[in-house]
Amino acid sequence: MKKLRRNALIIMCAAGMALTASCAAKVDETVEQTEEESVAETTAALETAAPASEVSIAYEGIIDTLRAVRSGDADDDAILDLTAVLSPDFMSVPEDESVYYTMIDIDGNGVDELLVYTRQIGVDGSETPVIYDAYTYSDGEPVHFIEGGVRNSYYLASDGTFYNVGSSGAAYTGFANYSYADGELTLTDCYFTDDSTGEVCWYQSSVGLWSDDKTEATEEEAMAFFEFEAMFIPNELEI
């Protein structure tokens, strides 16, 4: 009886060792597959992203143009030609106001965006970047996806979205939030005022600023909507 029991224990141990080896093999196989998939995804991302040097060279041309405008070296004809790639308000920034730029990958697709901005000083002394122009790089060309200004200000939030405040008159103020990916801004929500009822009222819409597709809102709701944390902008350089 003891011999049978001993043999049974030996068989159970052997089976356990085989099962453990099998599980270990499966774990190794799963880890190997996961690593292969990770490498494949990384390789695919690198293949679709433009080389950093290619992007930098394209942006250097824009930065040189910005500097020429700021220094007054661009003639009137050249400035007129630049309206397709620069916001008109950038060209009228006072000489004593600093203008900055940085390159940062906002949407994590491997391509840096170029942001051109000034700094807005709040009542508490804090400084928030106000974006005049933003570019990305696609199909071998810079893409100008933000054209901002004094009455059409854009801010980059810490979550990678853009907030915009605009005005087209005393009765028309708008706050909007946009998601961003690959050079495209997509509206997520907005609040605005208009005087369609005979008095200036606040409205909310997920369709667009000053859209007829709107619901009534309050000023408090609009102000709460526009509260956001600005993204920290690294590698800031002055133009």
C-alpha atoms as a PDB file:
ATOM      1  CA  MET A   1       0.000   0.000   0.000  1.00  0.00           C
ATOM      2  CA  LYS A   2       2.828   2.364   0.855  1.00  0.00           C
ATOM      3  CA  LYS A   3       4.486   1.584  -2.486  1.00  0.00           C
ATOM      4  CA  LEU A   4       1.285   2.421  -4.389  1.00  0.00           C
ATOM      5  CA  ARG A   5       0.907   5.632  -2.459  1.00  0.00           C
ATOM      6  CA  ARG A   6       4.515   6.507  -3.188  1.00  0.00           C
ATOM      7  CA  ASN A   7       4.041   5.756  -6.887  1.00  0.00           C
ATOM      8  CA  ALA A   8       0.917   7.929  -6.934  1.00  0.00           C
ATOM      9  CA  LEU A   9       2.827  10.793  -5.394  1.00  0.00           C
ATOM     10  CA  ILE A  10       5.590  10.382  -7.964  1.00  0.00           C
ATOM     11  CA  ILE A  11       3.019  10.442 -10.801  1.00  0.00           C
ATOM     12  CA  MET A  12       1.307  13.520  -9.337  1.00  0.00           C
ATOM     13  CA  CYS A  13       4.622  15.332  -8.999  1.00  0.00           C
ATOM     14  CA  ALA A  14       5.603  14.406 -12.534  1.00  0.00           C
ATOM     15  CA  ALA A  15       2.249  15.647 -13.836  1.00  0.00           C
ATOM     16  CA  GLY A  16       2.634  18.848 -11.864  1.00  0.00           C
ATOM     17  CA  MET A  17       6.097  19.411 -13.286  1.00  0.00           C
ATOM     18  CA  ALA A  18       4.791  18.806 -16.810  1.00  0.00           C
ATOM     19  CA  LEU A  19       1.909  21.205 -16.225  1.00  0.00           C
ATOM     20  CA  THR A  20       4.264  23.825 -14.815  1.00  0.00           C
ATOM     21  CA  ALA A  21       6.575  23.438 -17.813  1.00  0.00           C
ATOM     22  CA  SER A  22       3.599  23.717 -20.153  1.00  0.00           C
ATOM     23  CA  CYS A  23       2.344  26.874 -18.406  1.00  0.00           C
ATOM     24  CA  ALA A  24       5.833  28.346 -18.451  1.00  0.00           C
ATOM     25  CA  ALA A  25       6.071  27.630 -22.172  1.00  0.00           C
ATOM     26  CA  LYS A  26       2.719  29.307 -22.744  1.00  0.00           C
ATOM     27  CA  VAL A  27       3.771  32.323 -20.658  1.00  0.00           C
ATOM     28  CA  ASP A  28       7.032  32.578 -22.622  1.00  0.00           C
ATOM     29  CA  GLU A  29       5.084  32.313 -25.858  1.00  0.00           C
ATOM     30  CA  THR A  30       2.628  35.028 -24.737  1.00  0.00           C
ATOM     31  CA  VAL A  31       5.462  37.321 -23.640  1.00  0.00           C
ATOM     32  CA  GLU A  32       7.215  36.729 -26.972  1.00  0.00           C
ATOM     33  CA  GLN A  33       4.019  37.519 -28.907  1.00  0.00           C
ATOM     34  CA  THR A  34       3.414  40.651 -26.817  1.00  0.00           C
ATOM     35  CA  GLU A  35       6.975  41.836 -27.419  1.00  0.00           C
ATOM     36  CA  GLU A  36       6.642  41.136 -31.151  1.00  0.00           C
ATOM     37  CA  GLU A  37       3.347  43.062 -31.292  1.00  0.00           C
ATOM     38  CA  SER A  38       4.889  45.970 -29.372  1.00  0.00           C
ATOM     39  CA  VAL A  39       7.884  46.089 -31.727  1.00  0.00           C
ATOM     40  CA  ALA A  40       5.567  45.909 -34.751  1.00  0.00           C
ATOM     41  CA  GLU A  41       3.416  48.787 -33.437  1.00  0.00           C
ATOM     42  CA  THR A  42       6.474  50.910 -32.667  1.00  0.00           C
ATOM     43  CA  THR A  43       7.958  50.187 -36.111  1.00  0.00           C
ATOM     44  CA  ALA A  44       4.675  51.120 -37.815  1.00  0.00           C
ATOM     45  CA  ALA A  45       4.504  54.381 -35.868  1.00  0.00           C
ATOM     46  CA  LEU A  46       8.076  55.278 -36.808  1.00  0.00           C
ATOM     47  CA  GLU A  47       7.448  54.466 -40.460  1.00  0.00           C
ATOM     48  CA  THR A  48       4.413  56.793 -40.628  1.00  0.00           C
ATOM     49  CA  ALA A  49       6.003  59.648 -38.644  1.00  0.00           C
ATOM     50  CA  ALA A  50       8.140  62.125 -40.563  1.00  0.00           C
ATOM     51  CA  PRO A  51      11.842  62.168 -39.593  1.00  0.00           C
ATOM     52  CA  ALA A  52      12.572  64.774 -36.920  1.00  0.00           C
ATOM     53  CA  SER A  53      15.145  66.506 -39.137  1.00  0.00           C
ATOM     54  CA  GLU A  54      12.634  66.807 -41.982  1.00  0.00           C
ATOM     55  CA  VAL A  55      10.075  68.412 -39.669  1.00  0.00           C
ATOM     56  CA  SER A  56      12.659  70.728 -38.107  1.00  0.00           C
ATOM     57  CA  ILE A  57      13.879  71.912 -41.506  1.00  0.00           C
ATOM     58  CA  ALA A  58      10.320  72.718 -42.589  1.00  0.00           C
ATOM     59  CA  TYR A  59       9.675  74.658 -39.397  1.00  0.00           C
ATOM     60  CA  GLU A  60      12.970  76.525 -39.626  1.00  0.00           C
ATOM     61  CA  GLY A  61      11.717  78.132 -42.829  1.00  0.00           C
ATOM     62  CA  ILE A  62       8.581  79.341 -41.030  1.00  0.00           C
ATOM     63  CA  ILE A  63      10.603  80.599 -38.055  1.00  0.00           C
ATOM     64  CA  ASP A  64      12.931  82.537 -40.391  1.00  0.00           C
ATOM     65  CA  THR A  65       9.864  84.137 -41.964  1.00  0.00           C
ATOM     66  CA  LEU A  66       8.467  85.055 -38.537  1.00  0.00           C
ATOM     67  CA  ARG A  67      11.753  86.675 -37.597  1.00  0.00           C
ATOM     68  CA  ALA A  68      11.861  88.636 -40.848  1.00  0.00           C
ATOM     69  CA  VAL A  69       8.372  90.006 -40.166  1.00  0.00           C
ATOM     70  CA  ARG A  70       9.223  90.885 -36.545  1.00  0.00           C
ATOM     71  CA  SER A  71      12.469  92.615 -37.515  1.00  0.00           C
ATOM     72  CA  GLY A  72      10.833  94.611 -40.321  1.00  0.00           C
ATOM     73  CA  ASP A  73      12.954  92.986 -43.017  1.00  0.00           C
ATOM     74  CA  ALA A  74       9.921  91.718 -44.968  1.00  0.00           C
ATOM     75  CA  ASP A  75       8.555  94.195 -47.522  1.00  0.00           C
ATOM     76  CA  ASP A  76       4.844  94.894 -48.004  1.00  0.00           C
ATOM     77  CA  ASP A  77       4.493  92.527 -50.963  1.00  0.00           C
ATOM     78  CA  ALA A  78       6.129  89.715 -49.016  1.00  0.00           C
ATOM     79  CA  ILE A  79       3.820  90.338 -46.048  1.00  0.00           C
ATOM     80  CA  LEU A  80       0.761  90.119 -48.284  1.00  0.00           C
ATOM     81  CA  ASP A  81       1.970  86.735 -49.518  1.00  0.00           C
ATOM     82  CA  LEU A  82       2.339  85.564 -45.925  1.00  0.00           C
ATOM     83  CA  THR A  83      -1.336  85.913 -45.008  1.00  0.00           C
ATOM     84  CA  ALA A  84      -1.888  82.278 -46.035  1.00  0.00           C
ATOM     85  CA  VAL A  85       0.647  81.016 -43.490  1.00  0.00           C
ATOM     86  CA  LEU A  86       0.561  83.653 -40.737  1.00  0.00           C
ATOM     87  CA  SER A  87      -2.267  85.213 -38.776  1.00  0.00           C
ATOM     88  CA  PRO A  88      -2.708  88.916 -39.560  1.00  0.00           C
ATOM     89  CA  ASP A  89      -2.597  89.708 -35.840  1.00  0.00           C
ATOM     90  CA  PHE A  90       0.905  88.250 -35.526  1.00  0.00           C
ATOM     91  CA  MET A  91       2.124  90.879 -37.956  1.00  0.00           C
ATOM     92  CA  SER A  92       0.759  93.631 -35.721  1.00  0.00           C
ATOM     93  CA  VAL A  93       2.157  92.449 -32.370  1.00  0.00           C
ATOM     94  CA  PRO A  94       3.880  95.495 -30.786  1.00  0.00           C
ATOM     95  CA  GLU A  95       7.654  95.533 -31.075  1.00  0.00           C
ATOM     96  CA  ASP A  96       8.105  95.656 -27.290  1.00  0.00           C
ATOM     97  CA  GLU A  97       5.972  92.522 -26.740  1.00  0.00           C
ATOM     98  CA  SER A  98       7.868  89.230 -26.745  1.00  0.00           C
ATOM     99  CA  VAL A  99       6.804  86.468 -29.139  1.00  0.00           C
ATOM    100  CA  TYR A 100       7.846  82.863 -28.528  1.00  0.00           C
ATOM    101  CA  TYR A 101       7.819  79.533 -30.329  1.00  0.00           C
ATOM    102  CA  THR A 102       8.231  75.911 -29.380  1.00  0.00           C
ATOM    103  CA  MET A 103       7.970  72.465 -30.961  1.00  0.00           C
ATOM    104  CA  ILE A 104       5.942  69.884 -29.052  1.00  0.00           C
ATOM    105  CA  ASP A 105       4.148  66.659 -30.030  1.00  0.00           C
ATOM    106  CA  ILE A 106       0.634  67.475 -28.805  1.00  0.00           C
ATOM    107  CA  ASP A 107      -1.281  64.428 -30.046  1.00  0.00           C
ATOM    108  CA  GLY A 108       1.486  61.849 -29.572  1.00  0.00           C
ATOM    109  CA  ASN A 109       1.703  60.787 -33.231  1.00  0.00           C
ATOM    110  CA  GLY A 110       5.470  61.240 -33.475  1.00  0.00           C
ATOM    111  CA  VAL A 111       5.321  64.616 -35.256  1.00  0.00           C
ATOM    112  CA  ASP A 112       6.038  67.837 -33.371  1.00  0.00           C
ATOM    113  CA  GLU A 113       3.682  70.774 -33.752  1.00  0.00           C
ATOM    114  CA  LEU A 114       5.110  74.298 -34.017  1.00  0.00           C
ATOM    115  CA  LEU A 115       3.378  76.833 -31.749  1.00  0.00           C
ATOM    116  CA  VAL A 116       3.839  80.600 -32.019  1.00  0.00           C
ATOM    117  CA  TYR A 117       2.512  82.602 -29.081  1.00  0.00           C
ATOM    118  CA  THR A 118       2.729  85.519 -26.692  1.00  0.00           C
ATOM    119  CA  ARG A 119       2.163  85.390 -22.944  1.00  0.00           C
ATOM    120  CA  GLN A 120      -0.987  86.762 -21.330  1.00  0.00           C
ATOM    121  CA  ILE A 121      -0.468  88.018 -17.775  1.00  0.00           C
ATOM    122  CA  GLY A 122      -3.397  87.315 -15.437  1.00  0.00           C
ATOM    123  CA  VAL A 123      -4.574  89.442 -12.517  1.00  0.00           C
ATOM    124  CA  ASP A 124      -2.716  87.042 -10.193  1.00  0.00           C
ATOM    125  CA  GLY A 125       0.530  87.541 -12.125  1.00  0.00           C
ATOM    126  CA  SER A 126       0.419  84.149 -13.829  1.00  0.00           C
ATOM    127  CA  GLU A 127       1.407  83.909 -17.497  1.00  0.00           C
ATOM    128  CA  THR A 128      -0.633  81.894 -19.991  1.00  0.00           C
ATOM    129  CA  PRO A 129       0.529  81.282 -23.582  1.00  0.00           C
ATOM    130  CA  VAL A 130      -1.883  82.764 -26.139  1.00  0.00           C
ATOM    131  CA  ILE A 131      -1.384  81.041 -29.488  1.00  0.00           C
ATOM    132  CA  TYR A 132      -1.274  83.128 -32.649  1.00  0.00           C
ATOM    133  CA  ASP A 133      -0.292  80.387 -35.071  1.00  0.00           C
ATOM    134  CA  ALA A 134       0.067  76.599 -34.900  1.00  0.00           C
ATOM    135  CA  TYR A 135       1.446  74.204 -37.493  1.00  0.00           C
ATOM    136  CA  THR A 136       1.910  70.491 -37.962  1.00  0.00           C
ATOM    137  CA  TYR A 137       3.697  68.570 -40.713  1.00  0.00           C
ATOM    138  CA  SER A 138       1.932  66.209 -43.102  1.00  0.00           C
ATOM    139  CA  ASP A 139       2.640  64.773 -46.561  1.00  0.00           C
ATOM    140  CA  GLY A 140       5.895  66.700 -46.820  1.00  0.00           C
ATOM    141  CA  GLU A 141       4.359  70.103 -46.068  1.00  0.00           C
ATOM    142  CA  PRO A 142       3.704  72.301 -43.017  1.00  0.00           C
ATOM    143  CA  VAL A 143      -0.019  72.523 -42.212  1.00  0.00           C
ATOM    144  CA  HIS A 144      -1.301  75.769 -40.662  1.00  0.00           C
ATOM    145  CA  PHE A 145      -4.151  74.625 -38.389  1.00  0.00           C
ATOM    146  CA  ILE A 146      -4.575  77.611 -36.035  1.00  0.00           C
ATOM    147  CA  GLU A 147      -4.788  81.255 -37.019  1.00  0.00           C
ATOM    148  CA  GLY A 148      -5.458  83.184 -33.837  1.00  0.00           C
ATOM    149  CA  GLY A 149      -5.324  86.745 -32.677  1.00  0.00           C
ATOM    150  CA  VAL A 150      -6.475  89.411 -30.263  1.00  0.00           C
ATOM    151  CA  ARG A 151     -10.198  88.737 -30.767  1.00  0.00           C
ATOM    152  CA  ASN A 152      -9.718  85.046 -31.523  1.00  0.00           C
ATOM    153  CA  SER A 153      -7.420  83.624 -28.853  1.00  0.00           C
ATOM    154  CA  TYR A 154      -6.377  79.980 -28.553  1.00  0.00           C
ATOM    155  CA  TYR A 155      -4.951  78.274 -25.460  1.00  0.00           C
ATOM    156  CA  LEU A 156      -3.416  74.788 -25.149  1.00  0.00           C
ATOM    157  CA  ALA A 157      -4.836  72.888 -22.158  1.00  0.00           C
ATOM    158  CA  SER A 158      -2.954  70.269 -20.140  1.00  0.00           C
ATOM    159  CA  ASP A 159      -5.154  67.505 -21.613  1.00  0.00           C
ATOM    160  CA  GLY A 160      -3.989  68.308 -25.168  1.00  0.00           C
ATOM    161  CA  THR A 161      -7.188  70.087 -26.213  1.00  0.00           C
ATOM    162  CA  PHE A 162      -7.456  73.698 -27.326  1.00  0.00           C
ATOM    163  CA  TYR A 163      -9.672  76.365 -25.804  1.00  0.00           C
ATOM    164  CA  ASN A 164     -10.740  79.357 -27.837  1.00  0.00           C
ATOM    165  CA  VAL A 165     -12.320  82.678 -26.897  1.00  0.00           C
ATOM    166  CA  GLY A 166     -13.606  84.821 -29.717  1.00  0.00           C
ATOM    167  CA  SER A 167     -15.755  87.858 -30.316  1.00  0.00           C
ATOM    168  CA  SER A 168     -17.466  89.278 -33.362  1.00  0.00           C
ATOM    169  CA  GLY A 169     -19.125  92.237 -31.670  1.00  0.00           C
ATOM    170  CA  ALA A 170     -20.393  93.598 -28.368  1.00  0.00           C
ATOM    171  CA  ALA A 171     -23.225  91.046 -28.221  1.00  0.00           C
ATOM    172  CA  TYR A 172     -21.211  88.095 -29.525  1.00  0.00           C
ATOM    173  CA  THR A 173     -18.698  86.377 -27.256  1.00  0.00           C
ATOM    174  CA  GLY A 174     -17.836  82.716 -27.640  1.00  0.00           C
ATOM    175  CA  PHE A 175     -15.970  80.073 -25.611  1.00  0.00           C
ATOM    176  CA  ALA A 176     -15.114  76.797 -27.370  1.00  0.00           C
ATOM    177  CA  ASN A 177     -13.159  73.624 -26.683  1.00  0.00           C
ATOM    178  CA  TYR A 178     -11.590  71.547 -29.468  1.00  0.00           C
ATOM    179  CA  SER A 179      -9.956  68.133 -29.468  1.00  0.00           C
ATOM    180  CA  TYR A 180      -6.864  67.878 -31.647  1.00  0.00           C
ATOM    181  CA  ALA A 181      -5.350  65.145 -33.821  1.00  0.00           C
ATOM    182  CA  ASP A 182      -3.160  65.205 -36.951  1.00  0.00           C
ATOM    183  CA  GLY A 183      -3.675  68.869 -37.760  1.00  0.00           C
ATOM    184  CA  GLU A 184      -7.449  68.831 -37.246  1.00  0.00           C
ATOM    185  CA  LEU A 185      -9.462  70.662 -34.590  1.00  0.00           C
ATOM    186  CA  THR A 186     -12.818  69.084 -33.723  1.00  0.00           C
ATOM    187  CA  LEU A 187     -15.357  70.977 -31.627  1.00  0.00           C
ATOM    188  CA  THR A 188     -16.379  69.226 -28.421  1.00  0.00           C
ATOM    189  CA  ASP A 189     -18.503  71.938 -26.823  1.00  0.00           C
ATOM    190  CA  CYS A 190     -19.028  75.694 -26.788  1.00  0.00           C
ATOM    191  CA  TYR A 191     -20.862  78.542 -25.060  1.00  0.00           C
ATOM    192  CA  PHE A 192     -21.703  81.870 -26.621  1.00  0.00           C
ATOM    193  CA  THR A 193     -23.837  84.994 -26.380  1.00  0.00           C
ATOM    194  CA  ASP A 194     -26.110  86.563 -28.952  1.00  0.00           C
ATOM    195  CA  ASP A 195     -29.011  89.015 -28.989  1.00  0.00           C
ATOM    196  CA  SER A 196     -31.457  86.946 -31.073  1.00  0.00           C
ATOM    197  CA  THR A 197     -34.173  87.431 -28.430  1.00  0.00           C
ATOM    198  CA  GLY A 198     -33.665  91.185 -28.230  1.00  0.00           C
ATOM    199  CA  GLU A 199     -31.302  90.930 -25.280  1.00  0.00           C
ATOM    200  CA  VAL A 200     -27.862  89.402 -24.849  1.00  0.00           C
ATOM    201  CA  CYS A 201     -28.176  85.823 -23.517  1.00  0.00           C
ATOM    202  CA  TRP A 202     -25.859  82.837 -23.046  1.00  0.00           C
ATOM    203  CA  TYR A 203     -26.287  79.588 -24.980  1.00  0.00           C
ATOM    204  CA  GLN A 204     -24.595  76.184 -25.224  1.00  0.00           C
ATOM    205  CA  SER A 205     -24.035  74.137 -28.372  1.00  0.00           C
ATOM    206  CA  SER A 206     -22.051  71.088 -29.484  1.00  0.00           C
ATOM    207  CA  VAL A 207     -22.539  72.057 -33.145  1.00  0.00           C
ATOM    208  CA  GLY A 208     -20.733  75.384 -33.416  1.00  0.00           C
ATOM    209  CA  LEU A 209     -20.344  78.940 -32.199  1.00  0.00           C
ATOM    210  CA  TRP A 210     -23.436  81.029 -32.926  1.00  0.00           C
ATOM    211  CA  SER A 211     -25.247  77.988 -34.240  1.00  0.00           C
ATOM    212  CA  ASP A 212     -29.060  77.920 -34.341  1.00  0.00           C
ATOM    213  CA  ASP A 213     -28.794  74.469 -32.737  1.00  0.00           C
ATOM    214  CA  LYS A 214     -28.409  75.729 -29.152  1.00  0.00           C
ATOM    215  CA  THR A 215     -29.853  75.552 -25.666  1.00  0.00           C
ATOM    216  CA  GLU A 216     -30.133  78.275 -23.064  1.00  0.00           C
ATOM    217  CA  ALA A 217     -27.259  78.541 -20.570  1.00  0.00           C
ATOM    218  CA  THR A 218     -26.054  80.856 -17.831  1.00  0.00           C
ATOM    219  CA  GLU A 219     -22.992  83.048 -17.595  1.00  0.00           C
ATOM    220  CA  GLU A 220     -21.858  80.997 -14.578  1.00  0.00           C
ATOM    221  CA  GLU A 221     -21.969  77.798 -16.659  1.00  0.00           C
ATOM    222  CA  ALA A 222     -19.990  79.457 -19.435  1.00  0.00           C
ATOM    223  CA  MET A 223     -17.325  80.758 -17.058  1.00  0.00           C
ATOM    224  CA  ALA A 224     -16.993  77.358 -15.378  1.00  0.00           C
ATOM    225  CA  PHE A 225     -16.630  75.733 -18.815  1.00  0.00           C
ATOM    226  CA  PHE A 226     -13.757  78.054 -19.694  1.00  0.00           C
ATOM    227  CA  GLU A 227     -11.760  77.233 -16.567  1.00  0.00           C
ATOM    228  CA  PHE A 228      -8.861  74.965 -17.566  1.00  0.00           C
ATOM    229  CA  GLU A 229      -5.268  74.189 -16.714  1.00  0.00           C
ATOM    230  CA  ALA A 230      -2.825  75.418 -19.344  1.00  0.00           C
ATOM    231  CA  MET A 231      -0.239  72.943 -20.624  1.00  0.00           C
ATOM    232  CA  PHE A 232       3.363  73.537 -19.592  1.00  0.00           C
ATOM    233  CA  ILE A 233       5.277  74.469 -22.739  1.00  0.00           C
ATOM    234  CA  PRO A 234       8.902  73.248 -22.785  1.00  0.00           C
ATOM    235  CA  ASN A 235      11.877  74.443 -24.864  1.00  0.00           C
ATOM    236  CA  GLU A 236      10.503  77.961 -25.269  1.00  0.00           C
ATOM    237  CA  LEU A 237      12.504  80.236 -27.583  1.00  0.00           C
ATOM    238  CA  GLU A 238      11.958  83.891 -28.409  1.00  0.00           C
ATOM    239  CA  ILE A 239      11.551  85.040 -31.990  1.00  0.00           C
END
